[in-house]
Protein backbone atom coordinates (compact mmCIF):
# COMPACT_ATOMS: atom_id res chain seq x y z
CA MET A 1 54.50 143.03 94.71
CA LYS A 2 53.58 145.95 96.91
CA SER A 3 50.14 146.04 98.37
CA LYS A 4 47.74 148.41 97.03
CA ILE A 5 45.42 150.17 99.60
CA PHE A 6 41.80 151.34 98.92
CA ILE A 7 40.39 153.64 101.57
CA ILE A 8 36.74 153.49 101.99
CA THR A 9 35.45 156.85 103.34
CA GLY A 10 32.16 158.78 103.34
CA THR A 11 29.62 159.96 105.76
CA SER A 12 28.42 158.99 108.72
CA GLY A 13 25.64 156.29 107.89
CA ALA A 14 26.50 156.31 104.41
CA GLY A 15 27.08 152.29 104.95
CA LYS A 16 30.64 152.03 104.70
CA ASP A 17 31.17 149.39 107.67
CA SER A 18 27.99 147.41 105.24
CA VAL A 19 29.77 147.49 102.54
CA ILE A 20 33.17 146.05 104.10
CA ASN A 21 30.72 143.24 105.50
CA LYS A 22 29.69 142.49 101.98
CA ILE A 23 32.66 142.47 100.36
CA LYS A 24 34.11 139.82 102.58
CA GLU A 25 31.20 137.65 102.31
CA LYS A 26 32.52 137.68 98.32
CA GLY A 27 35.61 136.12 99.28
CA LEU A 28 37.65 138.46 97.64
CA ASP A 29 41.52 138.04 99.23
CA PHE A 30 42.23 141.42 101.20
CA VAL A 31 43.47 142.35 104.26
CA TRP A 32 41.36 144.56 106.43
CA ALA A 33 43.80 147.32 108.23
CA LYS A 34 41.52 147.72 111.29
CA THR A 35 41.14 151.13 113.44
CA THR A 36 42.17 152.24 116.65
CA THR A 37 39.70 154.29 118.16
CA SER A 38 39.37 155.47 121.79
CA ARG A 39 35.17 154.70 122.22
CA PRO A 40 33.83 152.15 124.37
CA LYS A 41 32.96 149.13 123.10
CA ARG A 42 28.96 148.60 122.04
CA GLU A 43 27.22 145.58 122.39
CA GLY A 44 28.18 143.00 120.28
CA GLU A 45 31.63 144.64 119.50
CA SER A 46 35.21 142.91 121.06
CA GLU A 47 38.54 143.90 120.28
CA GLY A 48 39.66 143.85 117.07
CA ASN A 49 35.62 143.49 115.91
CA PRO A 50 35.30 146.07 114.59
CA TYR A 51 38.17 148.31 115.88
CA HIS A 52 40.87 148.07 118.24
CA PHE A 53 39.70 149.82 121.42
CA VAL A 54 41.98 151.88 123.94
CA ALA A 55 41.54 154.42 126.40
CA PRO A 56 41.41 157.95 125.39
CA GLU A 57 44.58 158.54 127.39
CA GLU A 58 46.46 155.96 125.44
CA PHE A 59 45.47 156.90 122.01
CA GLN A 60 46.78 160.31 123.11
CA ASN A 61 49.91 158.40 123.96
CA LYS A 62 50.33 156.78 120.74
CA ILE A 63 49.77 160.34 118.75
CA LYS A 64 52.83 161.53 121.44
CA ARG A 65 55.22 158.22 120.22
CA GLY A 66 54.21 158.77 116.42
CA GLU A 67 52.18 155.71 116.07
CA MET A 68 49.33 156.68 114.35
CA ILE A 69 49.68 157.10 110.78
CA GLU A 70 46.82 159.42 110.97
CA TYR A 71 44.09 160.23 113.44
CA ALA A 72 40.81 162.42 113.75
CA ASP A 73 38.68 163.79 116.59
CA VAL A 74 35.15 162.79 115.45
CA TYR A 75 32.50 163.95 117.54
CA GLY A 76 34.40 163.83 120.56
CA ILE A 77 36.13 160.45 120.17
CA TYR A 78 39.73 159.69 118.53
CA TYR A 79 39.78 157.54 114.89
CA GLY A 80 42.79 156.83 113.55
CA MET A 81 45.32 154.05 111.86
CA GLU A 82 48.30 152.61 114.10
CA ARG A 83 51.80 152.69 111.74
CA LYS A 84 52.02 148.97 112.34
CA ASN A 85 48.49 148.16 111.16
CA ILE A 86 49.41 148.83 107.76
CA GLU A 87 53.35 147.94 107.45
CA LYS A 88 52.51 144.43 108.50
CA PHE A 89 50.40 144.02 104.90
CA LEU A 90 52.29 146.44 102.86
CA ASN A 91 54.31 143.26 101.33
CA THR A 92 51.62 141.02 101.14
CA GLY A 93 50.69 141.40 97.76
CA LYS A 94 46.85 141.38 98.86
CA PRO A 95 44.94 144.70 98.33
CA ILE A 96 44.49 146.60 101.62
CA VAL A 97 41.33 147.76 102.40
CA VAL A 98 41.08 150.64 105.10
CA ARG A 99 38.26 152.42 106.39
CA ILE A 100 38.89 155.54 107.97
CA ASP A 101 37.22 159.10 108.47
CA ILE A 102 37.11 161.32 105.80
CA GLN A 103 39.71 163.80 107.61
CA GLY A 104 42.26 161.22 107.26
CA VAL A 105 42.12 161.17 103.48
CA PRO A 106 44.72 163.73 102.86
CA THR A 107 46.94 161.96 104.91
CA TYR A 108 46.55 158.52 103.35
CA LYS A 109 47.00 160.30 99.88
CA LYS A 110 50.15 161.94 100.78
CA LEU A 111 51.76 158.85 102.48
CA PHE A 112 50.31 156.62 99.96
CA PRO A 113 49.64 158.33 96.71
CA ASP A 114 49.11 155.40 94.48
CA SER A 115 46.23 154.54 97.11
CA VAL A 116 42.75 154.54 95.83
CA CYS A 117 40.06 156.63 97.53
CA ILE A 118 36.15 155.20 97.41
CA PHE A 119 33.73 157.32 98.81
CA ILE A 120 30.42 156.00 99.87
CA ALA A 121 27.34 158.47 99.87
CA ALA A 122 23.90 157.80 101.04
CA PRO A 123 21.53 158.43 98.05
CA SER A 124 19.69 161.43 99.75
CA PHE A 125 19.80 162.98 103.31
CA GLU A 126 16.80 162.24 104.03
CA ILE A 127 17.65 158.31 103.98
CA LEU A 128 20.91 159.38 105.26
CA GLU A 129 19.15 160.92 108.50
CA LYS A 130 16.47 157.70 108.37
CA ARG A 131 19.86 155.96 108.86
CA ILE A 132 21.55 157.61 111.64
CA ARG A 133 18.16 157.41 113.48
CA GLN A 134 17.77 154.01 112.91
CA ARG A 135 21.10 153.15 114.59
CA GLY A 136 19.31 154.19 117.48
CA LYS A 137 22.93 155.19 119.31
CA ASP A 138 22.91 159.02 118.74
CA SER A 139 21.19 161.86 120.72
CA GLU A 140 19.15 164.57 118.53
CA GLU A 141 22.11 166.76 119.09
CA ALA A 142 24.65 164.42 117.87
CA ILE A 143 22.39 163.51 114.71
CA GLN A 144 22.33 167.15 114.13
CA LYS A 145 26.09 167.48 113.87
CA ARG A 146 26.17 164.66 111.99
CA MET A 147 24.09 165.61 109.08
CA ARG A 148 25.79 169.25 108.90
CA ALA A 149 28.56 167.62 108.57
CA ALA A 150 27.20 165.21 105.92
CA ARG A 151 26.13 167.90 103.72
CA ASN A 152 29.74 169.77 103.77
CA GLU A 153 31.43 166.35 103.45
CA MET A 154 28.68 165.50 100.59
CA GLU A 155 29.39 168.83 98.65
CA ASP A 156 33.16 168.15 99.16
CA ALA A 157 33.14 164.85 97.51
CA LYS A 158 31.51 166.10 94.50
CA SER A 159 34.74 168.77 93.59
CA ASN A 160 37.84 167.26 95.45
CA PRO A 161 40.21 165.18 93.59
CA LEU A 162 41.04 162.87 96.20
CA TYR A 163 38.18 160.59 95.96
CA ASP A 164 39.11 158.09 93.30
CA PHE A 165 35.30 156.86 92.75
CA ILE A 166 32.23 158.42 94.73
CA ILE A 167 29.99 155.52 94.82
CA VAL A 168 25.91 155.56 96.24
CA ASN A 169 24.52 153.12 98.48
CA GLU A 170 21.38 153.23 97.36
CA GLU A 171 18.70 151.82 100.08
CA ASN A 172 18.23 148.00 99.76
CA LYS A 173 21.25 147.93 97.63
CA LEU A 174 24.09 147.03 99.48
CA GLN A 175 24.94 143.82 97.11
CA LYS A 176 25.10 145.73 94.09
CA THR A 177 27.01 148.73 96.03
CA ALA A 178 29.29 145.57 97.47
CA GLU A 179 30.10 144.14 93.88
CA ILE A 180 31.05 147.96 92.60
CA VAL A 181 33.73 147.88 95.19
CA VAL A 182 34.40 144.51 94.22
CA ARG A 183 35.21 145.27 90.75
CA ILE A 184 37.34 148.18 91.72
CA LEU A 185 39.49 146.25 93.78
CA GLU A 186 39.86 143.53 90.50
CA SER A 187 39.96 146.35 88.55
CA TYR A 188 43.53 147.26 89.85
CA GLY A 189 44.72 143.79 89.34
CA GLN A 190 44.06 142.90 93.08
CA LYS A 191 42.10 139.49 92.42
């Protein structure tokens, strides 16, 4: 059985990684195809957790060699999916979960038209800004840039047919959000 791809996307600070970590805890049998990034590792991160880390020059070389399915420059840092990271899972029969930037959604939907796209949204812009600030990883300028982008992305999500589901990750309801995502995966026969 061919594996189905489930795309997790959304605005910065909406809780995409938190949702993925919660569905991992639920014991659902899926594979997580990890993104490759050119950003440096942060404290507590290691190769493959949560990304594959490469130098910016190596990322650009991967683009030139055609090794990337999709990629995006997100606030000056490259993120993308290497072809090999998807292809090795396509015939396992297990759902493949990918966490990608919104910029990559059209490419995925073109290459994998039966993929299911789940947009994770924050309940409000105020809560979104609070979450981004609490991470303590961005300058004021970067926070304002992320908030401007989030407003555009949220507006686009409401009418964009590429998004199969929009799930609001309510404050202090991460468990509920993860359960909704699990039900979506299960509803497509991926148990």
